[in-house]
C-alpha atoms as a PDB file:
ATOM      1  CA  MET A   1     -22.004  25.114  39.750  1.00  0.00           C
ATOM      2  CA  ASN A   2     -20.265  28.781  40.038  1.00  0.00           C
ATOM      3  CA  LYS A   3     -20.460  31.194  37.440  1.00  0.00           C
ATOM      4  CA  LYS A   4     -16.845  30.125  36.049  1.00  0.00           C
ATOM      5  CA  SER A   5     -17.744  26.608  35.741  1.00  0.00           C
ATOM      6  CA  ILE A   6     -20.724  27.597  33.504  1.00  0.00           C
ATOM      7  CA  LEU A   7     -18.708  30.064  31.635  1.00  0.00           C
ATOM      8  CA  THR A   8     -16.077  27.429  30.576  1.00  0.00           C
ATOM      9  CA  ILE A   9     -18.885  24.834  29.738  1.00  0.00           C
ATOM     10  CA  VAL A  10     -20.443  27.291  27.367  1.00  0.00           C
ATOM     11  CA  LEU A  11     -17.084  28.568  25.765  1.00  0.00           C
ATOM     12  CA  ALA A  12     -16.299  24.780  25.428  1.00  0.00           C
ATOM     13  CA  LEU A  13     -19.298  24.195  23.839  1.00  0.00           C
ATOM     14  CA  ALA A  14     -19.200  26.972  21.496  1.00  0.00           C
ATOM     15  CA  THR A  15     -15.818  25.918  20.270  1.00  0.00           C
ATOM     16  CA  MET A  16     -16.789  22.520  19.623  1.00  0.00           C
ATOM     17  CA  ILE A  17     -19.852  23.817  17.610  1.00  0.00           C
ATOM     18  CA  THR A  18     -17.785  26.434  15.674  1.00  0.00           C
ATOM     19  CA  ALA A  19     -14.897  23.785  14.961  1.00  0.00           C
ATOM     20  CA  THR A  20     -17.536  21.024  13.628  1.00  0.00           C
ATOM     21  CA  ASN A  21     -19.377  23.669  11.520  1.00  0.00           C
ATOM     22  CA  ALA A  22     -15.996  24.977   9.996  1.00  0.00           C
ATOM     23  CA  TYR A  23     -15.032  21.012   9.210  1.00  0.00           C
ATOM     24  CA  PHE A  24     -17.978  20.137   7.713  1.00  0.00           C
ATOM     25  CA  ALA A  25     -18.581  23.491   5.754  1.00  0.00           C
ATOM     26  CA  ASP A  26     -15.188  23.396   3.846  1.00  0.00           C
ATOM     27  CA  ARG A  27     -15.503  23.167   0.088  1.00  0.00           C
ATOM     28  CA  GLU A  28     -12.801  22.491  -2.701  1.00  0.00           C
ATOM     29  CA  ILE A  29     -13.050  22.856  -6.347  1.00  0.00           C
ATOM     30  CA  SER A  30     -11.292  20.370  -8.485  1.00  0.00           C
ATOM     31  CA  GLN A  31     -11.121  21.249 -12.282  1.00  0.00           C
ATOM     32  CA  ASN A  32      -9.814  19.709 -15.687  1.00  0.00           C
ATOM     33  CA  ASN A  33      -9.391  16.197 -13.855  1.00  0.00           C
ATOM     34  CA  THR A  34     -10.081  12.980 -15.571  1.00  0.00           C
ATOM     35  CA  ILE A  35     -10.320   9.665 -14.205  1.00  0.00           C
ATOM     36  CA  SER A  36      -9.665   6.565 -16.254  1.00  0.00           C
ATOM     37  CA  ALA A  37      -9.634   2.700 -15.726  1.00  0.00           C
ATOM     38  CA  GLY A  38      -6.696   0.463 -16.878  1.00  0.00           C
ATOM     39  CA  THR A  39      -5.520  -2.860 -16.153  1.00  0.00           C
ATOM     40  CA  PHE A  40      -2.464  -4.198 -14.681  1.00  0.00           C
ATOM     41  CA  ASP A  41      -1.590  -7.736 -15.870  1.00  0.00           C
ATOM     42  CA  LEU A  42       2.042  -9.032 -14.161  1.00  0.00           C
ATOM     43  CA  ALA A  43       3.316 -11.732 -16.078  1.00  0.00           C
ATOM     44  CA  LEU A  44       6.466 -14.025 -15.623  1.00  0.00           C
ATOM     45  CA  ASP A  45       8.919 -13.318 -18.354  1.00  0.00           C
ATOM     46  CA  GLU A  46      11.450 -15.666 -17.209  1.00  0.00           C
ATOM     47  CA  THR A  47      11.568 -18.635 -14.802  1.00  0.00           C
ATOM     48  CA  VAL A  48      14.338 -19.839 -12.526  1.00  0.00           C
ATOM     49  CA  LYS A  49      17.216 -20.457 -14.632  1.00  0.00           C
ATOM     50  CA  SER A  50      18.400 -23.448 -12.718  1.00  0.00           C
ATOM     51  CA  PRO A  51      15.432 -25.705 -11.745  1.00  0.00           C
ATOM     52  CA  ASP A  52      17.560 -28.178 -10.818  1.00  0.00           C
ATOM     53  CA  ALA A  53      19.049 -26.356  -7.857  1.00  0.00           C
ATOM     54  CA  LEU A  54      15.894 -25.899  -6.189  1.00  0.00           C
ATOM     55  CA  LEU A  55      15.001 -29.822  -6.408  1.00  0.00           C
ATOM     56  CA  ASN A  56      18.507 -30.450  -4.716  1.00  0.00           C
ATOM     57  CA  LYS A  57      17.979 -32.951  -1.658  1.00  0.00           C
ATOM     58  CA  ASN A  58      21.318 -32.120  -0.296  1.00  0.00           C
ATOM     59  CA  TRP A  59      20.374 -28.652   0.932  1.00  0.00           C
ATOM     60  CA  LYS A  60      21.827 -27.893   4.455  1.00  0.00           C
ATOM     61  CA  PRO A  61      20.200 -25.237   7.043  1.00  0.00           C
ATOM     62  CA  GLY A  62      21.434 -21.774   6.003  1.00  0.00           C
ATOM     63  CA  ASP A  63      22.040 -22.631   2.333  1.00  0.00           C
ATOM     64  CA  GLU A  64      20.774 -20.096   0.004  1.00  0.00           C
ATOM     65  CA  LEU A  65      19.913 -19.809  -4.112  1.00  0.00           C
ATOM     66  CA  GLU A  66      19.515 -16.589  -5.544  1.00  0.00           C
ATOM     67  CA  GLU A  67      17.895 -16.377  -9.103  1.00  0.00           C
ATOM     68  CA  ALA A  68      16.587 -13.472 -10.782  1.00  0.00           C
ATOM     69  CA  ILE A  69      13.128 -13.541 -12.662  1.00  0.00           C
ATOM     70  CA  VAL A  70      11.858 -10.934 -15.075  1.00  0.00           C
ATOM     71  CA  LEU A  71       8.348  -9.640 -14.838  1.00  0.00           C
ATOM     72  CA  ARG A  72       6.406  -7.747 -17.329  1.00  0.00           C
ATOM     73  CA  ASN A  73       3.280  -5.668 -17.097  1.00  0.00           C
ATOM     74  CA  ASP A  74       0.844  -6.805 -20.296  1.00  0.00           C
ATOM     75  CA  GLY A  75      -1.664  -4.302 -19.079  1.00  0.00           C
ATOM     76  CA  THR A  76      -2.594  -0.857 -19.984  1.00  0.00           C
ATOM     77  CA  LEU A  77      -1.222   1.118 -16.821  1.00  0.00           C
ATOM     78  CA  THR A  78       2.633   2.471 -16.970  1.00  0.00           C
ATOM     79  CA  ILE A  79       4.401   1.036 -13.861  1.00  0.00           C
ATOM     80  CA  ASN A  80       8.073   1.683 -14.063  1.00  0.00           C
ATOM     81  CA  ASP A  81       9.175  -0.319 -11.075  1.00  0.00           C
ATOM     82  CA  ILE A  82       8.196  -3.350  -9.386  1.00  0.00           C
ATOM     83  CA  PHE A  83      10.019  -4.339  -6.167  1.00  0.00           C
ATOM     84  CA  MET A  84       9.249  -8.257  -4.841  1.00  0.00           C
ATOM     85  CA  GLN A  85      10.641 -10.226  -2.159  1.00  0.00           C
ATOM     86  CA  ALA A  86       9.976 -13.617  -1.393  1.00  0.00           C
ATOM     87  CA  GLU A  87      11.041 -16.039   1.077  1.00  0.00           C
ATOM     88  CA  THR A  88      10.241 -19.465   1.394  1.00  0.00           C
ATOM     89  CA  GLU A  89      10.825 -22.235   4.246  1.00  0.00           C
ATOM     90  CA  VAL A  90      10.324 -26.004   3.590  1.00  0.00           C
ATOM     91  CA  SER A  91      10.192 -28.469   6.722  1.00  0.00           C
ATOM     92  CA  GLU A  92       9.422 -31.684   7.064  1.00  0.00           C
END
């Protein structure tokens, strides 16, 4: 090996050692934090308003039914918004 190759290897190793040491030696201090546990209890407030429409036997491909349901959180965690999308497919 020539001197340039050896020097390049030594510099690469020194850089890797320095970078690794800096990564593991980094420290952060966090003060005045609290950790608390809570519960998330999602409950159905209303069910489908027209269950007969779901049991309709005359559905054709492409027919759609849109119903709104209301969910409530009976737990202790504050959750402002819940977004849910459901899709079902029935085949016989």
